[in-house]
Amino acid sequence: MAAVMVMAASRRRGPRRIVLAGAVAASCSGLPSTLYALATGGDLLQATRAAGTLVPGRRDRPGVVAGVAVHLLVSAGWTAALAVVARWRRLGVTGGAAAGLLIAALDLEVAGRAHPAIRSLPRLPQWLDHVAFGAIAGGLLDAGKIRDQIVDNPVDA
């Protein structure tokens, strides 16, 4: 399923490509923390519930539904930010991964500092999730941009 989404994202143009890149990145980037939870016998939904505490009035009431909503909104916001950067500068997987480190610092260390549920998450898997998000989004945003350049200007590519 993810492979189909990746192929679709790399073939889309404009806003649809951005949405698909964000959807793929948001869907697949939780793999490091999921594998960590499986390997350690941890709670697979801990990060999702923790994200739910970011909803105003839910700081002490984590929830899966609220967590999914927050994850989607935050992922959409970061995807939009990466898309803006990708318009001016080639990100690719490496640049996206570097952006993921910056996103992790802001999400986990700055914003997360005020939220005990976020602070209690295992750090390394969460940082790896963010790096994966950036790498996937950056790679897909550039894949579509490179394809668009080839289609629009085959001689210049």
Protein backbone atom coordinates (compact mmCIF):
# COMPACT_ATOMS: atom_id res chain seq x y z
CA MET A 1 0.00 0.00 0.00
CA ALA A 2 2.75 2.44 0.94
CA ALA A 3 4.59 1.68 -2.32
CA VAL A 4 1.48 2.58 -4.31
CA MET A 5 1.13 5.84 -2.37
CA VAL A 6 4.82 6.65 -2.96
CA MET A 7 4.48 6.05 -6.71
CA ALA A 8 1.31 8.15 -6.85
CA ALA A 9 2.94 10.99 -4.91
CA SER A 10 5.93 11.12 -7.24
CA ARG A 11 3.65 11.39 -10.31
CA ARG A 12 1.32 14.14 -9.08
CA ARG A 13 1.77 17.81 -9.79
CA GLY A 14 1.20 20.83 -7.60
CA PRO A 15 -0.98 20.70 -4.50
CA ARG A 16 -2.04 17.10 -5.02
CA ARG A 17 1.61 16.03 -4.94
CA ILE A 18 2.13 17.96 -1.71
CA VAL A 19 -0.92 16.37 -0.08
CA LEU A 20 0.15 12.90 -1.17
CA ALA A 21 3.74 13.47 0.01
CA GLY A 22 2.41 14.56 3.40
CA ALA A 23 0.02 11.63 3.61
CA VAL A 24 2.74 9.11 2.82
CA ALA A 25 5.18 10.75 5.25
CA ALA A 26 2.57 10.95 8.03
CA SER A 27 1.51 7.34 7.45
CA CYS A 28 4.97 5.80 7.26
CA SER A 29 7.09 7.92 9.58
CA GLY A 30 5.91 6.23 12.77
CA LEU A 31 7.70 3.02 11.84
CA PRO A 32 10.78 3.59 14.07
CA SER A 33 8.73 4.15 17.23
CA THR A 34 6.35 1.32 16.32
CA LEU A 35 9.24 -1.11 15.90
CA TYR A 36 10.74 0.14 19.16
CA ALA A 37 7.45 -0.41 21.00
CA LEU A 38 7.12 -3.90 19.54
CA ALA A 39 10.72 -4.77 20.43
CA THR A 40 10.40 -3.53 24.01
CA GLY A 41 6.82 -4.58 24.68
CA GLY A 42 5.79 -0.93 24.89
CA ASP A 43 2.45 0.70 24.18
CA LEU A 44 1.95 1.04 20.41
CA LEU A 45 -0.42 3.99 20.89
CA GLN A 46 1.55 5.90 23.54
CA ALA A 47 2.77 8.57 21.10
CA THR A 48 -0.70 8.93 19.58
CA ARG A 49 -2.28 9.44 23.00
CA ALA A 50 0.49 11.87 23.96
CA ALA A 51 -0.20 13.94 20.84
CA GLY A 52 -3.82 14.17 21.98
CA THR A 53 -2.71 16.12 25.03
CA LEU A 54 -1.75 19.01 22.74
CA VAL A 55 -5.44 19.76 22.18
CA PRO A 56 -6.42 22.67 24.45
CA GLY A 57 -8.21 21.37 27.52
CA ARG A 58 -6.85 17.82 27.08
CA ARG A 59 -3.42 18.21 28.67
CA ASP A 60 -4.27 15.65 31.35
CA ARG A 61 -6.62 13.60 29.16
CA PRO A 62 -4.71 11.79 26.43
CA GLY A 63 -6.78 10.12 23.74
CA VAL A 64 -6.29 8.25 20.50
CA VAL A 65 -8.86 10.19 18.45
CA ALA A 66 -7.50 13.54 19.58
CA GLY A 67 -3.97 12.24 18.97
CA VAL A 68 -4.73 11.20 15.40
CA ALA A 69 -6.29 14.61 14.72
CA VAL A 70 -3.27 16.42 16.15
CA HIS A 71 -0.87 14.19 14.22
CA LEU A 72 -2.68 14.92 10.96
CA LEU A 73 -2.74 18.68 11.58
CA VAL A 74 0.89 18.86 12.66
CA SER A 75 1.97 16.67 9.74
CA ALA A 76 0.02 18.87 7.31
CA GLY A 77 1.66 21.98 8.74
CA TRP A 78 5.17 20.57 8.49
CA THR A 79 4.47 19.24 5.00
CA ALA A 80 3.36 22.72 3.92
CA ALA A 81 6.53 24.21 5.40
CA LEU A 82 8.71 21.64 3.62
CA ALA A 83 6.83 22.28 0.36
CA VAL A 84 7.63 25.99 0.62
CA VAL A 85 11.30 25.21 1.17
CA ALA A 86 11.24 22.68 -1.68
CA ARG A 87 10.01 25.36 -4.08
CA TRP A 88 13.24 27.29 -3.60
CA ARG A 89 15.76 24.62 -2.70
CA ARG A 90 16.11 20.95 -3.47
CA LEU A 91 15.48 18.93 -0.33
CA GLY A 92 15.68 15.30 -1.35
CA VAL A 93 15.89 12.57 1.23
CA THR A 94 19.02 13.99 2.91
CA GLY A 95 17.75 17.55 3.16
CA GLY A 96 14.37 16.26 4.30
CA ALA A 97 16.05 14.18 7.00
CA ALA A 98 17.97 17.25 8.18
CA ALA A 99 14.69 19.18 8.24
CA GLY A 100 13.22 16.28 10.25
CA LEU A 101 15.91 16.84 12.89
CA LEU A 102 14.91 20.50 13.15
CA ILE A 103 11.23 19.54 13.30
CA ALA A 104 12.01 17.03 16.07
CA ALA A 105 13.84 19.68 18.07
CA LEU A 106 10.89 22.05 17.79
CA ASP A 107 8.15 19.44 18.33
CA LEU A 108 9.77 17.35 21.03
CA GLU A 109 12.12 19.65 22.87
CA VAL A 110 10.52 23.08 22.56
CA ALA A 111 6.77 22.49 22.29
CA GLY A 112 6.92 19.13 24.05
CA ARG A 113 8.67 20.60 27.08
CA ALA A 114 5.33 21.91 28.39
CA HIS A 115 3.53 18.59 27.92
CA PRO A 116 4.40 15.74 30.32
CA ALA A 117 2.94 13.08 28.00
CA ILE A 118 5.26 14.22 25.19
CA ARG A 119 8.25 14.44 27.53
CA SER A 120 7.63 10.87 28.74
CA LEU A 121 7.98 9.35 25.26
CA PRO A 122 11.19 7.43 24.50
CA ARG A 123 13.36 10.09 22.86
CA LEU A 124 15.36 8.23 20.21
CA PRO A 125 12.40 6.53 18.50
CA GLN A 126 10.51 9.83 18.40
CA TRP A 127 13.49 11.63 16.90
CA LEU A 128 13.82 8.85 14.31
CA ASP A 129 10.11 9.19 13.47
CA HIS A 130 10.65 12.88 12.77
CA VAL A 131 13.76 12.21 10.66
CA ALA A 132 11.78 9.60 8.70
CA PHE A 133 8.96 12.09 8.18
CA GLY A 134 11.34 14.71 6.79
CA ALA A 135 13.21 12.21 4.61
CA ILE A 136 10.03 10.78 3.11
CA ALA A 137 8.37 14.16 2.56
CA GLY A 138 11.56 15.74 1.19
CA GLY A 139 12.20 12.85 -1.15
CA LEU A 140 8.65 12.80 -2.49
CA LEU A 141 8.43 16.55 -2.88
CA ASP A 142 11.63 16.54 -4.89
CA ALA A 143 10.71 13.44 -6.90
CA GLY A 144 7.62 15.18 -8.16
CA LYS A 145 9.50 18.43 -8.80
CA ILE A 146 12.22 16.67 -10.79
CA ARG A 147 9.61 14.77 -12.79
CA ASP A 148 7.71 18.01 -13.48
CA GLN A 149 10.93 19.62 -14.79
CA ILE A 150 11.59 16.67 -17.10
CA VAL A 151 8.03 16.70 -18.42
CA ASP A 152 7.92 20.49 -18.86
CA ASN A 153 11.48 20.96 -20.18
CA PRO A 154 12.87 17.64 -21.43
CA VAL A 155 15.90 19.27 -23.06
CA ASP A 156 16.95 21.15 -19.90
CA ALA A 157 16.69 18.11 -17.59
